Amino acid sequence: LVPGLATGLVPAAALAQIEGSFAMDCAAGALSEDRVEVMGTVIFFHESRCKLTNPVPVRGMTDAVLYDVECSGEGEVWIRRILLMPSFDGGLIRVEDGLALTYLRCAAD
């Protein structure tokens, strides 16, 4: 058993650190295709949104959490896995199958 997992404290603390708006280039504006926003247990992308469920803290990686996600957008629904973690500079790291991206934290628009 991972400490804190049974109570949900680890995933909730990790989510609190990554709440906000992020982009590769914050100057591109709120409608940029590389913009993501994390609000509670939902991550919003340009034309889709994903519900973050079943959080599993990644052993040995501070505040890294693996989620199951159910996404919807443009009339379609899909399921995948996603790892989210705060970067050392306050940004966001997102890892999916075959993809790893680092985002900057953007000021609220």
Protein backbone atom coordinates (compact mmCIF):
# COMPACT_ATOMS: atom_id res chain seq x y z
CA LEU A 1 0.00 0.00 0.00
CA VAL A 2 1.35 3.41 -0.95
CA PRO A 3 1.27 5.83 2.02
CA GLY A 4 -1.54 8.35 1.57
CA LEU A 5 -3.17 6.46 -1.30
CA ALA A 6 -5.91 4.92 0.82
CA THR A 7 -7.00 8.36 2.03
CA GLY A 8 -6.59 10.06 -1.33
CA LEU A 9 -4.24 12.70 0.12
CA VAL A 10 -1.35 12.15 -2.27
CA PRO A 11 -3.37 12.55 -5.50
CA ALA A 12 -5.34 15.52 -4.14
CA ALA A 13 -2.13 17.30 -3.11
CA ALA A 14 -0.60 16.61 -6.52
CA LEU A 15 -3.71 17.93 -8.32
CA ALA A 16 -3.63 21.12 -6.27
CA GLN A 17 -0.07 21.80 -7.49
CA ILE A 18 -1.01 21.44 -11.14
CA GLU A 19 -4.27 23.36 -11.16
CA GLY A 20 -4.17 26.27 -13.56
CA SER A 21 -3.53 27.21 -17.15
CA PHE A 22 -0.44 26.00 -19.04
CA ALA A 23 0.98 26.34 -22.56
CA MET A 24 4.16 25.91 -24.57
CA ASP A 25 3.94 29.64 -25.30
CA CYS A 26 1.71 31.62 -22.94
CA ALA A 27 1.83 34.67 -25.25
CA ALA A 28 -0.15 32.69 -27.87
CA GLY A 29 -3.34 33.33 -25.91
CA ALA A 30 -6.15 31.33 -24.34
CA LEU A 31 -7.31 29.75 -27.63
CA SER A 32 -3.90 28.34 -28.52
CA GLU A 33 -3.94 24.66 -29.54
CA ASP A 34 -1.05 23.90 -27.18
CA ARG A 35 -2.89 25.33 -24.16
CA VAL A 36 -4.13 23.02 -21.36
CA GLU A 37 -6.05 23.89 -18.23
CA VAL A 38 -6.40 21.75 -15.14
CA MET A 39 -9.44 22.44 -12.95
CA GLY A 40 -10.09 19.94 -10.19
CA THR A 41 -10.28 16.51 -11.78
CA VAL A 42 -10.73 17.77 -15.35
CA ILE A 43 -8.05 18.68 -17.89
CA PHE A 44 -9.15 20.85 -20.82
CA PHE A 45 -7.43 20.86 -24.20
CA HIS A 46 -8.12 23.00 -27.28
CA GLU A 47 -11.29 21.18 -28.38
CA SER A 48 -11.64 18.43 -25.79
CA ARG A 49 -11.87 17.74 -22.08
CA CYS A 50 -10.81 14.76 -20.03
CA LYS A 51 -11.99 13.55 -16.63
CA LEU A 52 -9.04 12.43 -14.46
CA THR A 53 -9.90 9.24 -12.52
CA ASN A 54 -8.20 6.41 -10.62
CA PRO A 55 -5.10 8.37 -9.53
CA VAL A 56 -2.00 6.29 -8.78
CA PRO A 57 1.07 8.06 -7.34
CA VAL A 58 4.28 7.07 -9.15
CA ARG A 59 6.79 5.67 -6.68
CA GLY A 60 10.05 7.64 -6.55
CA MET A 61 8.70 10.60 -8.57
CA THR A 62 7.61 13.50 -6.37
CA ASP A 63 3.99 14.48 -7.11
CA ALA A 64 3.81 12.42 -10.33
CA VAL A 65 0.39 10.80 -10.67
CA LEU A 66 -0.87 8.38 -13.32
CA TYR A 67 -4.55 8.74 -14.23
CA ASP A 68 -7.14 6.95 -16.30
CA VAL A 69 -8.88 9.58 -18.39
CA GLU A 70 -12.14 9.62 -20.29
CA CYS A 71 -12.03 12.31 -22.93
CA SER A 72 -14.65 13.88 -25.16
CA GLY A 73 -14.48 16.37 -27.96
CA GLU A 74 -15.69 17.00 -31.48
CA GLY A 75 -18.48 14.44 -30.98
CA GLU A 76 -16.20 11.57 -29.95
CA VAL A 77 -15.29 9.84 -26.66
CA TRP A 78 -12.02 8.00 -25.95
CA ILE A 79 -10.17 6.51 -22.98
CA ARG A 80 -6.43 6.66 -22.31
CA ARG A 81 -3.79 6.91 -19.55
CA ILE A 82 -1.96 10.12 -18.67
CA LEU A 83 0.79 10.98 -16.21
CA LEU A 84 0.83 14.52 -14.83
CA MET A 85 3.39 16.13 -12.57
CA PRO A 86 4.53 19.63 -11.71
CA SER A 87 7.85 20.69 -13.22
CA PHE A 88 10.53 22.28 -11.07
CA ASP A 89 9.77 25.75 -12.51
CA GLY A 90 6.05 25.61 -11.63
CA GLY A 91 4.94 24.31 -15.01
CA LEU A 92 3.35 21.01 -15.96
CA ILE A 93 4.78 17.78 -17.38
CA ARG A 94 2.37 15.55 -19.33
CA VAL A 95 3.29 12.04 -20.44
CA GLU A 96 1.13 9.77 -22.58
CA ASP A 97 1.88 6.76 -24.77
CA GLY A 98 4.55 8.01 -27.16
CA LEU A 99 4.32 11.64 -25.99
CA ALA A 100 6.08 13.77 -23.36
CA LEU A 101 5.45 17.53 -23.13
CA THR A 102 6.49 20.28 -20.75
CA TYR A 103 4.28 23.34 -20.37
CA LEU A 104 4.87 26.75 -18.78
CA ARG A 105 2.40 28.06 -16.20
CA CYS A 106 0.41 30.94 -17.71
CA ALA A 107 -1.24 33.86 -15.93
CA ALA A 108 -5.03 33.75 -15.83
CA ASP A 109 -6.60 35.27 -18.95
